[in-house]
């Protein structure tokens, strides 16, 4: 498996919206499609059915829901931590910074 994916969705809450531009200008050329969480809630099945990788940034409740979706729809996940406890979660899962 390569160290990066060719394309990914970026699902975010308002707090994570500042990451859209930096993610879209990533050095790997990965195509990032931003999806606001509010938009996702209106059409979960259609948006996630073909997703292979989803990067997410938001509250802990949001992250838990996205993990449930990952299990249901079979996509891998990436996490951009916003809060100190999320950074602890990332460390405990040995996720890269």
N, C-alpha and C. Protein backbone atom coordinates (compact mmCIF):
# COMPACT_ATOMS: atom_id res chain seq x y z
N UNK A 1 0.84 -1.18 0.00
CA UNK A 1 0.00 0.00 0.00
C UNK A 1 0.89 1.24 0.00
N UNK A 2 0.58 2.21 -0.87
CA UNK A 2 1.40 3.43 -0.89
C UNK A 2 1.17 4.24 0.38
N UNK A 3 2.05 5.20 0.62
CA UNK A 3 1.93 6.07 1.79
C UNK A 3 0.81 7.09 1.63
N UNK A 4 0.20 7.15 0.48
CA UNK A 4 -0.87 8.10 0.23
C UNK A 4 -1.88 7.47 -0.71
N UNK A 5 -3.06 8.07 -0.81
CA UNK A 5 -4.11 7.58 -1.70
C UNK A 5 -4.26 8.54 -2.87
N UNK A 6 -4.85 8.07 -3.96
CA UNK A 6 -5.02 8.91 -5.15
C UNK A 6 -6.13 9.94 -4.96
N UNK A 7 -7.16 9.58 -4.19
CA UNK A 7 -8.26 10.51 -3.95
C UNK A 7 -8.89 10.21 -2.60
N UNK A 8 -9.55 11.21 -2.04
CA UNK A 8 -10.20 11.05 -0.74
C UNK A 8 -11.28 12.11 -0.58
N UNK A 9 -12.26 11.77 0.23
CA UNK A 9 -13.22 12.77 0.68
C UNK A 9 -12.66 13.41 1.94
N UNK A 10 -12.94 14.68 2.13
CA UNK A 10 -12.63 15.34 3.40
C UNK A 10 -13.95 15.78 4.00
N UNK A 11 -14.41 15.07 5.03
CA UNK A 11 -15.65 15.41 5.70
C UNK A 11 -15.29 16.20 6.95
N UNK A 12 -15.93 17.35 7.09
CA UNK A 12 -15.52 18.28 8.15
C UNK A 12 -16.73 18.97 8.76
N UNK A 13 -16.56 19.37 10.00
CA UNK A 13 -17.51 20.26 10.65
C UNK A 13 -16.96 21.68 10.49
N UNK A 14 -17.71 22.64 10.97
CA UNK A 14 -17.28 24.04 10.83
C UNK A 14 -15.87 24.27 11.36
N UNK A 15 -15.54 23.61 12.47
CA UNK A 15 -14.22 23.79 13.09
C UNK A 15 -13.09 23.29 12.19
N UNK A 16 -13.36 22.35 11.32
CA UNK A 16 -12.33 21.79 10.46
C UNK A 16 -12.26 22.40 9.08
N UNK A 17 -13.12 23.38 8.80
CA UNK A 17 -13.17 23.95 7.45
C UNK A 17 -11.88 24.64 7.03
N UNK A 18 -11.07 25.06 7.98
CA UNK A 18 -9.81 25.74 7.63
C UNK A 18 -8.79 24.80 6.98
N UNK A 19 -9.04 23.49 7.04
CA UNK A 19 -8.11 22.53 6.45
C UNK A 19 -8.38 22.25 4.97
N UNK A 20 -9.49 22.76 4.43
CA UNK A 20 -9.85 22.45 3.05
C UNK A 20 -8.74 22.84 2.08
N UNK A 21 -8.35 24.08 2.09
CA UNK A 21 -7.35 24.55 1.12
C UNK A 21 -6.00 23.84 1.28
N UNK A 22 -5.45 23.72 2.49
CA UNK A 22 -4.17 23.00 2.61
C UNK A 22 -4.26 21.54 2.13
N UNK A 23 -5.39 20.88 2.40
CA UNK A 23 -5.53 19.50 1.94
C UNK A 23 -5.60 19.42 0.42
N UNK A 24 -6.30 20.36 -0.20
CA UNK A 24 -6.42 20.34 -1.65
C UNK A 24 -5.10 20.66 -2.35
N UNK A 25 -4.19 21.30 -1.65
CA UNK A 25 -2.87 21.63 -2.21
C UNK A 25 -1.78 20.73 -1.62
N UNK A 26 -2.12 19.47 -1.38
CA UNK A 26 -1.17 18.53 -0.78
C UNK A 26 -0.05 18.19 -1.75
N UNK A 27 1.13 17.84 -1.25
CA UNK A 27 2.29 17.58 -2.12
C UNK A 27 2.23 16.26 -2.89
N UNK A 28 1.26 15.40 -2.58
CA UNK A 28 1.19 14.10 -3.24
C UNK A 28 0.30 14.11 -4.48
N UNK A 29 -0.41 15.21 -4.71
CA UNK A 29 -1.33 15.28 -5.83
C UNK A 29 -2.62 14.52 -5.59
N UNK A 30 -2.88 14.17 -4.34
CA UNK A 30 -4.12 13.47 -4.00
C UNK A 30 -5.30 14.41 -4.24
N UNK A 31 -6.31 13.90 -4.92
CA UNK A 31 -7.51 14.69 -5.19
C UNK A 31 -8.39 14.64 -3.95
N UNK A 32 -8.64 15.80 -3.36
CA UNK A 32 -9.44 15.91 -2.14
C UNK A 32 -10.77 16.56 -2.49
N UNK A 33 -11.85 15.88 -2.15
CA UNK A 33 -13.19 16.41 -2.36
C UNK A 33 -13.79 16.77 -1.01
N UNK A 34 -13.94 18.06 -0.71
CA UNK A 34 -14.50 18.46 0.58
C UNK A 34 -16.01 18.24 0.62
N UNK A 35 -16.48 17.73 1.76
CA UNK A 35 -17.91 17.52 1.98
C UNK A 35 -18.23 18.00 3.40
N UNK A 36 -19.06 19.02 3.50
CA UNK A 36 -19.47 19.49 4.82
C UNK A 36 -20.32 18.41 5.49
N UNK A 37 -20.16 18.26 6.78
CA UNK A 37 -20.90 17.25 7.53
C UNK A 37 -22.41 17.42 7.35
N UNK A 38 -22.88 18.66 7.31
CA UNK A 38 -24.30 18.93 7.13
C UNK A 38 -24.79 18.36 5.80
N UNK A 39 -23.99 18.49 4.75
CA UNK A 39 -24.35 17.94 3.44
C UNK A 39 -24.33 16.42 3.48
N UNK A 40 -23.35 15.85 4.16
CA UNK A 40 -23.26 14.39 4.27
C UNK A 40 -24.49 13.82 4.96
N UNK A 41 -24.96 14.47 6.01
CA UNK A 41 -26.12 13.98 6.76
C UNK A 41 -27.37 13.88 5.89
N UNK A 42 -27.47 14.70 4.86
CA UNK A 42 -28.65 14.70 3.98
C UNK A 42 -28.63 13.57 2.97
N UNK A 43 -27.45 12.98 2.69
CA UNK A 43 -27.36 11.96 1.64
C UNK A 43 -26.20 11.00 1.92
N UNK A 44 -26.17 10.43 3.11
CA UNK A 44 -25.05 9.59 3.55
C UNK A 44 -24.75 8.47 2.56
N UNK A 45 -25.75 7.68 2.22
CA UNK A 45 -25.52 6.50 1.38
C UNK A 45 -24.95 6.88 0.02
N UNK A 46 -25.50 7.90 -0.61
CA UNK A 46 -25.04 8.30 -1.94
C UNK A 46 -23.61 8.84 -1.91
N UNK A 47 -23.28 9.61 -0.89
CA UNK A 47 -21.96 10.22 -0.80
C UNK A 47 -20.88 9.20 -0.44
N UNK A 48 -21.21 8.27 0.45
CA UNK A 48 -20.18 7.34 0.96
C UNK A 48 -20.12 6.00 0.24
N UNK A 49 -21.09 5.67 -0.60
CA UNK A 49 -21.13 4.33 -1.17
C UNK A 49 -19.89 3.95 -1.97
N UNK A 50 -19.26 4.87 -2.65
CA UNK A 50 -18.07 4.55 -3.44
C UNK A 50 -16.78 5.09 -2.82
N UNK A 51 -16.86 5.61 -1.60
CA UNK A 51 -15.67 6.17 -0.95
C UNK A 51 -14.69 5.06 -0.59
N UNK A 52 -13.41 5.30 -0.86
CA UNK A 52 -12.39 4.34 -0.44
C UNK A 52 -11.57 4.88 0.73
N UNK A 53 -11.47 6.22 0.83
CA UNK A 53 -10.74 6.84 1.94
C UNK A 53 -11.41 8.16 2.29
N UNK A 54 -11.60 8.38 3.58
CA UNK A 54 -12.23 9.61 4.06
C UNK A 54 -11.35 10.21 5.15
N UNK A 55 -10.96 11.45 4.95
CA UNK A 55 -10.25 12.22 5.97
C UNK A 55 -11.32 13.01 6.72
N UNK A 56 -11.17 13.12 8.03
CA UNK A 56 -12.22 13.77 8.81
C UNK A 56 -11.62 14.69 9.86
N UNK A 57 -12.39 15.73 10.19
CA UNK A 57 -11.97 16.68 11.21
C UNK A 57 -13.22 17.26 11.85
N UNK A 58 -13.34 17.07 13.16
CA UNK A 58 -14.51 17.57 13.87
C UNK A 58 -14.50 17.12 15.31
N UNK A 59 -15.64 17.22 15.95
CA UNK A 59 -15.78 16.87 17.36
C UNK A 59 -15.66 15.37 17.57
N UNK A 60 -15.52 14.95 18.83
CA UNK A 60 -15.41 13.52 19.13
C UNK A 60 -16.68 12.78 18.73
N UNK A 61 -17.85 13.36 18.96
CA UNK A 61 -19.10 12.72 18.55
C UNK A 61 -19.15 12.51 17.05
N UNK A 62 -18.71 13.51 16.30
CA UNK A 62 -18.64 13.42 14.84
C UNK A 62 -17.68 12.30 14.43
N UNK A 63 -16.51 12.24 15.07
CA UNK A 63 -15.53 11.20 14.72
C UNK A 63 -16.09 9.81 14.98
N UNK A 64 -16.80 9.64 16.08
CA UNK A 64 -17.41 8.34 16.38
C UNK A 64 -18.40 7.94 15.29
N UNK A 65 -19.21 8.89 14.87
CA UNK A 65 -20.18 8.59 13.81
C UNK A 65 -19.47 8.23 12.51
N UNK A 66 -18.39 8.94 12.20
CA UNK A 66 -17.65 8.65 10.96
C UNK A 66 -16.99 7.27 11.02
N UNK A 67 -16.53 6.86 12.19
CA UNK A 67 -15.96 5.52 12.33
C UNK A 67 -17.05 4.47 12.09
N UNK A 68 -18.25 4.71 12.59
CA UNK A 68 -19.37 3.79 12.32
C UNK A 68 -19.65 3.71 10.82
N UNK A 69 -19.63 4.86 10.15
CA UNK A 69 -19.83 4.87 8.70
C UNK A 69 -18.71 4.10 7.99
N UNK A 70 -17.47 4.25 8.47
CA UNK A 70 -16.34 3.53 7.86
C UNK A 70 -16.55 2.02 7.95
N UNK A 71 -17.05 1.56 9.08
CA UNK A 71 -17.32 0.13 9.24
C UNK A 71 -18.45 -0.29 8.30
N UNK A 72 -19.50 0.51 8.23
CA UNK A 72 -20.66 0.18 7.41
C UNK A 72 -20.35 0.21 5.92
N UNK A 73 -19.61 1.22 5.46
CA UNK A 73 -19.36 1.40 4.03
C UNK A 73 -18.00 0.90 3.58
N UNK A 74 -17.14 0.50 4.51
CA UNK A 74 -15.88 -0.14 4.16
C UNK A 74 -14.79 0.78 3.63
N UNK A 75 -14.71 2.01 4.10
CA UNK A 75 -13.63 2.89 3.67
C UNK A 75 -12.61 3.07 4.79
N UNK A 76 -11.38 3.42 4.40
CA UNK A 76 -10.35 3.72 5.39
C UNK A 76 -10.51 5.18 5.81
N UNK A 77 -9.93 5.52 6.98
CA UNK A 77 -10.10 6.87 7.50
C UNK A 77 -8.77 7.52 7.84
N UNK A 78 -8.77 8.82 7.73
CA UNK A 78 -7.67 9.65 8.18
C UNK A 78 -8.24 10.67 9.15
N UNK A 79 -7.47 11.07 10.13
CA UNK A 79 -7.94 11.97 11.18
C UNK A 79 -7.05 13.19 11.27
N UNK A 80 -7.68 14.36 11.24
CA UNK A 80 -6.97 15.61 11.53
C UNK A 80 -7.47 16.06 12.90
N UNK A 81 -6.67 15.87 13.95
CA UNK A 81 -7.13 16.20 15.30
C UNK A 81 -7.29 17.70 15.51
N UNK A 82 -8.39 18.06 16.18
CA UNK A 82 -8.65 19.46 16.52
C UNK A 82 -8.45 19.74 18.00
N UNK A 83 -8.78 18.77 18.83
CA UNK A 83 -8.77 18.95 20.28
C UNK A 83 -7.66 18.15 20.92
N UNK A 84 -7.19 18.54 22.11
CA UNK A 84 -6.11 17.79 22.77
C UNK A 84 -6.42 16.30 22.93
N UNK A 85 -7.66 15.96 23.30
CA UNK A 85 -7.98 14.54 23.47
C UNK A 85 -7.93 13.78 22.15
N UNK A 86 -8.16 14.46 21.04
CA UNK A 86 -8.03 13.81 19.74
C UNK A 86 -6.57 13.55 19.41
N UNK A 87 -5.69 14.43 19.84
CA UNK A 87 -4.26 14.19 19.64
C UNK A 87 -3.81 12.99 20.45
N UNK A 88 -4.38 12.83 21.65
CA UNK A 88 -4.08 11.64 22.46
C UNK A 88 -4.59 10.39 21.76
N UNK A 89 -5.78 10.47 21.17
CA UNK A 89 -6.34 9.34 20.42
C UNK A 89 -5.42 8.98 19.26
N UNK A 90 -4.97 9.98 18.53
CA UNK A 90 -4.07 9.73 17.40
C UNK A 90 -2.79 9.06 17.86
N UNK A 91 -2.23 9.52 18.99
CA UNK A 91 -1.01 8.91 19.52
C UNK A 91 -1.27 7.46 19.94
N UNK A 92 -2.41 7.21 20.59
CA UNK A 92 -2.69 5.85 21.06
C UNK A 92 -2.90 4.88 19.91
N UNK A 93 -3.33 5.40 18.77
CA UNK A 93 -3.51 4.56 17.58
C UNK A 93 -2.26 4.54 16.70
N UNK A 94 -1.20 5.20 17.16
CA UNK A 94 0.06 5.32 16.44
C UNK A 94 -0.16 5.91 15.04
N UNK A 95 -0.98 6.96 14.98
CA UNK A 95 -1.20 7.66 13.72
C UNK A 95 -0.11 8.70 13.53
N UNK A 96 0.32 8.93 12.29
CA UNK A 96 1.36 9.94 12.06
C UNK A 96 0.84 11.34 12.36
N UNK A 97 1.75 12.25 12.70
CA UNK A 97 1.35 13.64 12.96
C UNK A 97 0.96 14.34 11.69
